[in-house]
Amino acid sequence: MASDHSAIEWTEATWNPTSGCTKVSPGCDRCYAERITMRFPKAFPRGFALTLRPEALDIPLHWKRPRVIFVNSMSDLFHKDVPDEYIQLVFDVMRRTPHHVYQVLTKRAERVARMARTLPWPPHVWMGVSVESPAFSWRIDYLRRTPASIRFISAEPLLAPIPNLDLTGIHWLIAGGESQSGCRPADNAWFRDLRDQCKRARIKFFLKQLGGHPAKRGSDEAVLDGRRWTQMPLSVGAPKCRQSHAVFDESR
């Protein structure tokens, strides 16, 4: 369960040692991963039910070229039905492949904080939480308890303005609007405010898409105040990912 050429703008590849999930907040309402499992029932015979996929665990071990890898684009590694021991196996694979960069994203921030001291945190493992509205900014407090070298926020799908975020200890923020049929609209002012908060906190900001259907206004259309905002954390990372994004130089 992997893709070596992801269409997600802020990563290069995806790796899914689990698939399926359950919905925990409004950001889950129109889950793209759930729609994929319905489109491809042969690949997902259990549909969107949480499924361990141990046969996929060793995939990154066979990728010799360095990649930036989004872990569990089709699931949430910290779902309550994923055993602690299995999460530890996933982290062990990441530990053993330091030529890759791993981006782990969850909505189960409490479990990450609870397990943090039992997991290895090499510098090439980044940890993030989803925050779609102010009601879920508490997830950031749990994220801060992890010793990940890069801690990031995914404000996608952005469902409301999120003013006055505490970005202490955070290194990167991704923002994006909802894009599928029936999508809830996002206001450009919401993205602008997040960008300005990142600038004040001196952290990286990546605007993935502005949202909409059928055109999600991503890629070259994700323009805010006349420019694209595709900053990436540069302390560690695969050279290809660094080169493929026009990182904005704040000194200009």
C-alpha atoms as a PDB file:
ATOM      1  CA  MET A   1       0.000   0.000   0.000  1.00  0.00           C
ATOM      2  CA  ALA A   2       2.179   2.786  -1.292  1.00  0.00           C
ATOM      3  CA  SER A   3       2.547   5.298  -4.070  1.00  0.00           C
ATOM      4  CA  ASP A   4       5.955   6.387  -5.248  1.00  0.00           C
ATOM      5  CA  HIS A   5       4.620   9.501  -6.996  1.00  0.00           C
ATOM      6  CA  SER A   6       2.109  11.305  -4.821  1.00  0.00           C
ATOM      7  CA  ALA A   7      -0.030  14.129  -6.178  1.00  0.00           C
ATOM      8  CA  ILE A   8      -0.009  15.732  -2.713  1.00  0.00           C
ATOM      9  CA  GLU A   9       2.044  18.878  -3.228  1.00  0.00           C
ATOM     10  CA  TRP A  10       3.929  18.827   0.080  1.00  0.00           C
ATOM     11  CA  THR A  11       5.245  15.270  -0.181  1.00  0.00           C
ATOM     12  CA  GLU A  12       6.728  12.885  -2.743  1.00  0.00           C
ATOM     13  CA  ALA A  13       5.425   9.430  -1.856  1.00  0.00           C
ATOM     14  CA  THR A  14       2.832   7.778   0.370  1.00  0.00           C
ATOM     15  CA  TRP A  15       3.116   4.676   2.554  1.00  0.00           C
ATOM     16  CA  ASN A  16       0.104   3.035   4.179  1.00  0.00           C
ATOM     17  CA  PRO A  17       0.909   0.364   6.778  1.00  0.00           C
ATOM     18  CA  THR A  18      -2.748   0.745   7.790  1.00  0.00           C
ATOM     19  CA  SER A  19      -5.879   1.773   5.896  1.00  0.00           C
ATOM     20  CA  GLY A  20      -9.329   2.868   6.986  1.00  0.00           C
ATOM     21  CA  CYS A  21     -10.390   5.092   9.845  1.00  0.00           C
ATOM     22  CA  THR A  22     -13.350   6.532  11.766  1.00  0.00           C
ATOM     23  CA  LYS A  23     -14.502  10.138  11.860  1.00  0.00           C
ATOM     24  CA  VAL A  24     -13.636  12.198  14.929  1.00  0.00           C
ATOM     25  CA  SER A  25     -14.247  15.833  13.930  1.00  0.00           C
ATOM     26  CA  PRO A  26     -15.885  17.967  11.210  1.00  0.00           C
ATOM     27  CA  GLY A  27     -12.713  17.886   9.117  1.00  0.00           C
ATOM     28  CA  CYS A  28     -13.431  14.192   8.523  1.00  0.00           C
ATOM     29  CA  ASP A  29     -16.923  14.722   7.095  1.00  0.00           C
ATOM     30  CA  ARG A  30     -15.899  14.503   3.425  1.00  0.00           C
ATOM     31  CA  CYS A  31     -12.850  12.279   3.793  1.00  0.00           C
ATOM     32  CA  TYR A  32     -11.026  11.746   0.495  1.00  0.00           C
ATOM     33  CA  ALA A  33      -9.547   8.444   1.716  1.00  0.00           C
ATOM     34  CA  GLU A  34     -13.006   7.035   2.380  1.00  0.00           C
ATOM     35  CA  ARG A  35     -14.056   7.918  -1.174  1.00  0.00           C
ATOM     36  CA  ILE A  36     -10.992   6.145  -2.568  1.00  0.00           C
ATOM     37  CA  THR A  37     -11.844   2.921  -0.738  1.00  0.00           C
ATOM     38  CA  MET A  38     -15.333   3.041  -2.275  1.00  0.00           C
ATOM     39  CA  ARG A  39     -13.902   3.559  -5.750  1.00  0.00           C
ATOM     40  CA  PHE A  40     -11.466   0.656  -5.453  1.00  0.00           C
ATOM     41  CA  PRO A  41     -13.205  -2.138  -3.521  1.00  0.00           C
ATOM     42  CA  LYS A  42     -10.786  -4.818  -4.755  1.00  0.00           C
ATOM     43  CA  ALA A  43      -7.865  -2.976  -3.184  1.00  0.00           C
ATOM     44  CA  PHE A  44      -9.869  -2.312  -0.009  1.00  0.00           C
ATOM     45  CA  PRO A  45     -12.058  -5.398   0.585  1.00  0.00           C
ATOM     46  CA  ARG A  46     -12.908  -4.192   4.101  1.00  0.00           C
ATOM     47  CA  GLY A  47     -13.872  -0.786   2.802  1.00  0.00           C
ATOM     48  CA  PHE A  48     -12.981   2.017   5.190  1.00  0.00           C
ATOM     49  CA  ALA A  49     -12.807  -0.215   8.272  1.00  0.00           C
ATOM     50  CA  LEU A  50      -9.500   0.180  10.113  1.00  0.00           C
ATOM     51  CA  THR A  51      -7.173  -2.463   8.661  1.00  0.00           C
ATOM     52  CA  LEU A  52      -3.587  -3.355   9.564  1.00  0.00           C
ATOM     53  CA  ARG A  53      -1.464  -4.047   6.492  1.00  0.00           C
ATOM     54  CA  PRO A  54       1.688  -5.769   7.762  1.00  0.00           C
ATOM     55  CA  GLU A  55       2.595  -6.774   4.201  1.00  0.00           C
ATOM     56  CA  ALA A  56       3.279  -3.082   3.548  1.00  0.00           C
ATOM     57  CA  LEU A  57       5.597  -2.550   6.501  1.00  0.00           C
ATOM     58  CA  ASP A  58       8.837  -3.204   4.628  1.00  0.00           C
ATOM     59  CA  ILE A  59       8.098  -1.077   1.547  1.00  0.00           C
ATOM     60  CA  PRO A  60      10.366   1.861   2.541  1.00  0.00           C
ATOM     61  CA  LEU A  61      13.227  -0.594   3.112  1.00  0.00           C
ATOM     62  CA  HIS A  62      13.199  -1.328  -0.642  1.00  0.00           C
ATOM     63  CA  TRP A  63      13.172   2.314  -1.721  1.00  0.00           C
ATOM     64  CA  LYS A  64      16.836   3.137  -2.175  1.00  0.00           C
ATOM     65  CA  ARG A  65      16.392   6.655  -3.537  1.00  0.00           C
ATOM     66  CA  PRO A  66      15.630   9.164  -0.751  1.00  0.00           C
ATOM     67  CA  ARG A  67      12.002  10.213  -0.600  1.00  0.00           C
ATOM     68  CA  VAL A  68       9.777  12.483   1.451  1.00  0.00           C
ATOM     69  CA  ILE A  69       7.030  10.073   2.546  1.00  0.00           C
ATOM     70  CA  PHE A  70       3.569  10.856   3.886  1.00  0.00           C
ATOM     71  CA  VAL A  71       2.763   8.060   6.337  1.00  0.00           C
ATOM     72  CA  ASN A  72      -0.823   6.751   6.215  1.00  0.00           C
ATOM     73  CA  SER A  73      -2.475   8.987   3.662  1.00  0.00           C
ATOM     74  CA  MET A  74      -5.343   6.462   3.807  1.00  0.00           C
ATOM     75  CA  SER A  75      -5.630   6.167   7.579  1.00  0.00           C
ATOM     76  CA  ASP A  76      -4.477   7.479  10.954  1.00  0.00           C
ATOM     77  CA  LEU A  77      -1.564   5.631  12.533  1.00  0.00           C
ATOM     78  CA  PHE A  78      -2.708   6.636  16.025  1.00  0.00           C
ATOM     79  CA  HIS A  79      -6.275   5.352  15.657  1.00  0.00           C
ATOM     80  CA  LYS A  80      -7.417   3.593  18.823  1.00  0.00           C
ATOM     81  CA  ASP A  81      -7.652   0.230  17.032  1.00  0.00           C
ATOM     82  CA  VAL A  82      -3.997   0.233  15.962  1.00  0.00           C
ATOM     83  CA  PRO A  83      -2.095  -1.670  18.674  1.00  0.00           C
ATOM     84  CA  ASP A  84       0.808   0.069  20.407  1.00  0.00           C
ATOM     85  CA  GLU A  85       3.081  -2.730  19.230  1.00  0.00           C
ATOM     86  CA  TYR A  86       2.151  -2.127  15.601  1.00  0.00           C
ATOM     87  CA  ILE A  87       2.840   1.615  15.886  1.00  0.00           C
ATOM     88  CA  GLN A  88       6.241   0.721  17.314  1.00  0.00           C
ATOM     89  CA  LEU A  89       6.900  -1.522  14.282  1.00  0.00           C
ATOM     90  CA  VAL A  90       6.102   1.374  11.951  1.00  0.00           C
ATOM     91  CA  PHE A  91       8.423   3.699  13.866  1.00  0.00           C
ATOM     92  CA  ASP A  92      11.149   1.053  13.796  1.00  0.00           C
ATOM     93  CA  VAL A  93      10.967   0.907   9.993  1.00  0.00           C
ATOM     94  CA  MET A  94      11.271   4.698   9.893  1.00  0.00           C
ATOM     95  CA  ARG A  95      14.211   4.575  12.293  1.00  0.00           C
ATOM     96  CA  ARG A  96      15.976   2.040  10.070  1.00  0.00           C
ATOM     97  CA  THR A  97      15.630   4.157   6.906  1.00  0.00           C
ATOM     98  CA  PRO A  98      17.260   7.512   7.690  1.00  0.00           C
ATOM     99  CA  HIS A  99      17.699   8.308   3.979  1.00  0.00           C
ATOM    100  CA  HIS A 100      13.966   9.061   3.833  1.00  0.00           C
ATOM    101  CA  VAL A 101      11.955  11.838   5.495  1.00  0.00           C
ATOM    102  CA  TYR A 102       8.665  10.736   7.047  1.00  0.00           C
ATOM    103  CA  GLN A 103       5.651  12.985   7.599  1.00  0.00           C
ATOM    104  CA  VAL A 104       3.215  11.488  10.136  1.00  0.00           C
ATOM    105  CA  LEU A 105      -0.128  13.296  10.483  1.00  0.00           C
ATOM    106  CA  THR A 106      -2.870  12.526  12.995  1.00  0.00           C
ATOM    107  CA  LYS A 107      -6.087  13.790  14.533  1.00  0.00           C
ATOM    108  CA  ARG A 108      -5.454  11.586  17.605  1.00  0.00           C
ATOM    109  CA  ALA A 109      -3.083  14.028  19.251  1.00  0.00           C
ATOM    110  CA  GLU A 110      -3.709  12.739  22.783  1.00  0.00           C
ATOM    111  CA  ARG A 111      -2.450   9.283  21.859  1.00  0.00           C
ATOM    112  CA  VAL A 112       0.687  10.681  20.237  1.00  0.00           C
ATOM    113  CA  ALA A 113       1.536  12.559  23.426  1.00  0.00           C
ATOM    114  CA  ARG A 114       0.789   9.508  25.551  1.00  0.00           C
ATOM    115  CA  MET A 115       3.025   7.223  23.457  1.00  0.00           C
ATOM    116  CA  ALA A 116       5.776   9.735  22.684  1.00  0.00           C
ATOM    117  CA  ARG A 117       8.235   8.534  25.300  1.00  0.00           C
ATOM    118  CA  THR A 118       7.980   4.917  24.056  1.00  0.00           C
ATOM    119  CA  LEU A 119       8.805   5.739  20.425  1.00  0.00           C
ATOM    120  CA  PRO A 120      12.078   6.550  18.654  1.00  0.00           C
ATOM    121  CA  TRP A 121      12.196  10.068  17.246  1.00  0.00           C
ATOM    122  CA  PRO A 122      15.094  10.309  14.780  1.00  0.00           C
ATOM    123  CA  PRO A 123      15.430  13.697  13.067  1.00  0.00           C
ATOM    124  CA  HIS A 124      13.967  12.459   9.771  1.00  0.00           C
ATOM    125  CA  VAL A 125      10.560  11.692  11.371  1.00  0.00           C
ATOM    126  CA  TRP A 126       8.243  14.716  11.370  1.00  0.00           C
ATOM    127  CA  MET A 127       5.034  14.766  13.412  1.00  0.00           C
ATOM    128  CA  GLY A 128       1.910  16.777  12.647  1.00  0.00           C
ATOM    129  CA  VAL A 129      -1.689  17.267  13.747  1.00  0.00           C
ATOM    130  CA  SER A 130      -4.775  18.374  11.825  1.00  0.00           C
ATOM    131  CA  VAL A 131      -6.477  21.569  13.010  1.00  0.00           C
ATOM    132  CA  GLU A 132      -9.475  22.508  10.870  1.00  0.00           C
ATOM    133  CA  SER A 133     -11.007  25.141  13.168  1.00  0.00           C
ATOM    134  CA  PRO A 134     -10.368  26.875  16.515  1.00  0.00           C
ATOM    135  CA  ALA A 135     -12.296  24.113  18.302  1.00  0.00           C
ATOM    136  CA  PHE A 136      -9.410  21.735  17.633  1.00  0.00           C
ATOM    137  CA  SER A 137      -6.395  23.956  18.297  1.00  0.00           C
ATOM    138  CA  TRP A 138      -5.911  21.974  21.539  1.00  0.00           C
ATOM    139  CA  ARG A 139      -4.308  19.272  19.386  1.00  0.00           C
ATOM    140  CA  ILE A 140      -1.285  21.545  19.024  1.00  0.00           C
ATOM    141  CA  ASP A 141      -0.672  21.450  22.776  1.00  0.00           C
ATOM    142  CA  TYR A 142      -0.373  17.665  22.621  1.00  0.00           C
ATOM    143  CA  LEU A 143       1.889  17.899  19.562  1.00  0.00           C
ATOM    144  CA  ARG A 144       4.290  20.107  21.504  1.00  0.00           C
ATOM    145  CA  ARG A 145       4.818  17.224  23.955  1.00  0.00           C
ATOM    146  CA  THR A 146       6.483  15.110  21.268  1.00  0.00           C
ATOM    147  CA  PRO A 147      10.246  15.349  20.710  1.00  0.00           C
ATOM    148  CA  ALA A 148       9.915  15.322  16.905  1.00  0.00           C
ATOM    149  CA  SER A 149      12.546  17.465  15.186  1.00  0.00           C
ATOM    150  CA  ILE A 150       9.857  18.974  12.935  1.00  0.00           C
ATOM    151  CA  ARG A 151       6.367  19.553  14.345  1.00  0.00           C
ATOM    152  CA  PHE A 152       3.734  20.720  11.895  1.00  0.00           C
ATOM    153  CA  ILE A 153       0.066  21.676  11.588  1.00  0.00           C
ATOM    154  CA  SER A 154      -2.256  20.747   8.737  1.00  0.00           C
ATOM    155  CA  ALA A 155      -5.056  23.317   8.584  1.00  0.00           C
ATOM    156  CA  GLU A 156      -6.853  21.337   5.903  1.00  0.00           C
ATOM    157  CA  PRO A 157      -9.683  21.339   5.203  1.00  0.00           C
ATOM    158  CA  LEU A 158      -9.782  24.797   6.722  1.00  0.00           C
ATOM    159  CA  LEU A 159     -13.384  25.283   7.885  1.00  0.00           C
ATOM    160  CA  ALA A 160     -13.131  28.550   9.826  1.00  0.00           C
ATOM    161  CA  PRO A 161     -10.658  31.324  10.610  1.00  0.00           C
ATOM    162  CA  ILE A 162      -8.130  30.307  13.274  1.00  0.00           C
ATOM    163  CA  PRO A 163      -6.787  33.522  14.804  1.00  0.00           C
ATOM    164  CA  ASN A 164      -4.163  33.870  17.512  1.00  0.00           C
ATOM    165  CA  LEU A 165      -2.647  30.394  17.285  1.00  0.00           C
ATOM    166  CA  ASP A 166       0.100  29.570  19.755  1.00  0.00           C
ATOM    167  CA  LEU A 167       2.843  28.442  17.354  1.00  0.00           C
ATOM    168  CA  THR A 168       5.507  27.973  20.012  1.00  0.00           C
ATOM    169  CA  GLY A 169       7.544  24.900  19.160  1.00  0.00           C
ATOM    170  CA  ILE A 170       5.921  24.501  15.732  1.00  0.00           C
ATOM    171  CA  HIS A 171       8.013  24.555  12.556  1.00  0.00           C
ATOM    172  CA  TRP A 172       5.578  24.350   9.643  1.00  0.00           C
ATOM    173  CA  LEU A 173       1.926  24.986   8.779  1.00  0.00           C
ATOM    174  CA  ILE A 174       0.073  23.595   5.753  1.00  0.00           C
ATOM    175  CA  ALA A 175      -3.268  25.166   4.793  1.00  0.00           C
ATOM    176  CA  GLY A 176      -5.877  24.162   2.262  1.00  0.00           C
ATOM    177  CA  GLY A 177      -9.550  24.404   1.447  1.00  0.00           C
ATOM    178  CA  GLU A 178     -12.013  21.588   0.867  1.00  0.00           C
ATOM    179  CA  SER A 179     -12.210  20.573  -2.789  1.00  0.00           C
ATOM    180  CA  GLN A 180     -14.658  17.735  -3.465  1.00  0.00           C
ATOM    181  CA  SER A 181     -18.346  17.871  -4.373  1.00  0.00           C
ATOM    182  CA  GLY A 182     -20.343  19.681  -1.694  1.00  0.00           C
ATOM    183  CA  CYS A 183     -17.213  21.337  -0.325  1.00  0.00           C
ATOM    184  CA  ARG A 184     -17.508  23.939   2.397  1.00  0.00           C
ATOM    185  CA  PRO A 185     -16.019  27.232   1.185  1.00  0.00           C
ATOM    186  CA  ALA A 186     -12.921  28.833   2.670  1.00  0.00           C
ATOM    187  CA  ASP A 187     -12.271  32.567   2.657  1.00  0.00           C
ATOM    188  CA  ASN A 188      -8.928  33.801   1.355  1.00  0.00           C
ATOM    189  CA  ALA A 189      -8.736  36.029   4.427  1.00  0.00           C
ATOM    190  CA  TRP A 190      -8.453  32.898   6.583  1.00  0.00           C
ATOM    191  CA  PHE A 191      -5.390  31.751   4.635  1.00  0.00           C
ATOM    192  CA  ARG A 192      -3.916  35.236   4.677  1.00  0.00           C
ATOM    193  CA  ASP A 193      -4.213  35.404   8.459  1.00  0.00           C
ATOM    194  CA  LEU A 194      -2.501  32.017   8.899  1.00  0.00           C
ATOM    195  CA  ARG A 195       0.297  33.113   6.593  1.00  0.00           C
ATOM    196  CA  ASP A 196       0.787  36.295   8.575  1.00  0.00           C
ATOM    197  CA  GLN A 197       0.811  34.371  11.859  1.00  0.00           C
ATOM    198  CA  CYS A 198       3.514  32.102  10.433  1.00  0.00           C
ATOM    199  CA  LYS A 199       5.574  35.074   9.331  1.00  0.00           C
ATOM    200  CA  ARG A 200       5.372  36.602  12.797  1.00  0.00           C
ATOM    201  CA  ALA A 201       6.354  33.300  14.400  1.00  0.00           C
ATOM    202  CA  ARG A 202       9.099  32.786  11.784  1.00  0.00           C
ATOM    203  CA  ILE A 203       7.838  29.369  10.725  1.00  0.00           C
ATOM    204  CA  LYS A 204       7.236  27.925   7.263  1.00  0.00           C
ATOM    205  CA  PHE A 205       3.876  28.265   5.505  1.00  0.00           C
ATOM    206  CA  PHE A 206       2.579  26.058   2.674  1.00  0.00           C
ATOM    207  CA  LEU A 207      -0.666  26.967   0.917  1.00  0.00           C
ATOM    208  CA  LYS A 208      -1.784  23.717  -0.723  1.00  0.00           C
ATOM    209  CA  GLN A 209      -5.056  24.798  -2.289  1.00  0.00           C
ATOM    210  CA  LEU A 210      -7.753  27.425  -1.939  1.00  0.00           C
ATOM    211  CA  GLY A 211     -10.587  24.915  -2.294  1.00  0.00           C
ATOM    212  CA  GLY A 212     -13.619  24.687  -4.549  1.00  0.00           C
ATOM    213  CA  HIS A 213     -15.305  22.255  -6.920  1.00  0.00           C
ATOM    214  CA  PRO A 214     -14.669  21.084  -9.581  1.00  0.00           C
ATOM    215  CA  ALA A 215     -11.470  23.161  -9.675  1.00  0.00           C
ATOM    216  CA  LYS A 216      -9.769  22.904  -6.294  1.00  0.00           C
ATOM    217  CA  ARG A 217      -7.565  25.924  -7.131  1.00  0.00           C
ATOM    218  CA  GLY A 218      -4.394  24.145  -6.184  1.00  0.00           C
ATOM    219  CA  SER A 219      -0.894  24.057  -7.647  1.00  0.00           C
ATOM    220  CA  ASP A 220      -0.249  27.220  -9.709  1.00  0.00           C
ATOM    221  CA  GLU A 221      -3.741  28.535  -8.882  1.00  0.00           C
ATOM    222  CA  ALA A 222      -3.074  28.544  -5.142  1.00  0.00           C
ATOM    223  CA  VAL A 223      -2.007  32.174  -5.220  1.00  0.00           C
ATOM    224  CA  LEU A 224      -2.296  34.549  -2.299  1.00  0.00           C
ATOM    225  CA  ASP A 225      -1.458  38.237  -2.742  1.00  0.00           C
ATOM    226  CA  GLY A 226       0.085  37.558  -6.124  1.00  0.00           C
ATOM    227  CA  ARG A 227       2.409  34.697  -5.206  1.00  0.00           C
ATOM    228  CA  ARG A 228       2.543  31.047  -4.269  1.00  0.00           C
ATOM    229  CA  TRP A 229       3.451  30.094  -0.717  1.00  0.00           C
ATOM    230  CA  THR A 230       5.228  26.734  -0.723  1.00  0.00           C
ATOM    231  CA  GLN A 231       7.704  26.910   2.108  1.00  0.00           C
ATOM    232  CA  MET A 232       9.147  23.667   3.459  1.00  0.00           C
ATOM    233  CA  PRO A 233      11.183  22.973   6.603  1.00  0.00           C
ATOM    234  CA  LEU A 234      14.778  22.800   5.437  1.00  0.00           C
ATOM    235  CA  SER A 235      16.606  21.494   8.511  1.00  0.00           C
ATOM    236  CA  VAL A 236      16.261  17.972   7.132  1.00  0.00           C
ATOM    237  CA  GLY A 237      14.690  16.742   3.919  1.00  0.00           C
ATOM    238  CA  ALA A 238      15.217  14.972   0.640  1.00  0.00           C
ATOM    239  CA  PRO A 239      16.995  17.111  -1.984  1.00  0.00           C
ATOM    240  CA  LYS A 240      14.309  16.401  -4.632  1.00  0.00           C
ATOM    241  CA  CYS A 241      11.578  17.813  -2.426  1.00  0.00           C
ATOM    242  CA  ARG A 242      13.622  20.899  -1.653  1.00  0.00           C
ATOM    243  CA  GLN A 243      14.227  21.538  -5.336  1.00  0.00           C
ATOM    244  CA  SER A 244      10.689  20.857  -6.490  1.00  0.00           C
ATOM    245  CA  HIS A 245       9.165  23.668  -4.427  1.00  0.00           C
ATOM    246  CA  ALA A 246       9.863  27.368  -4.877  1.00  0.00           C
ATOM    247  CA  VAL A 247      10.635  28.138  -1.262  1.00  0.00           C
ATOM    248  CA  PHE A 248       9.997  31.784  -0.498  1.00  0.00           C
ATOM    249  CA  ASP A 249      13.008  33.658   0.829  1.00  0.00           C
ATOM    250  CA  GLU A 250      11.690  35.898   3.612  1.00  0.00           C
ATOM    251  CA  SER A 251      14.689  38.193   3.280  1.00  0.00           C
ATOM    252  CA  ARG A 252      13.378  39.534  -0.023  1.00  0.00           C
END
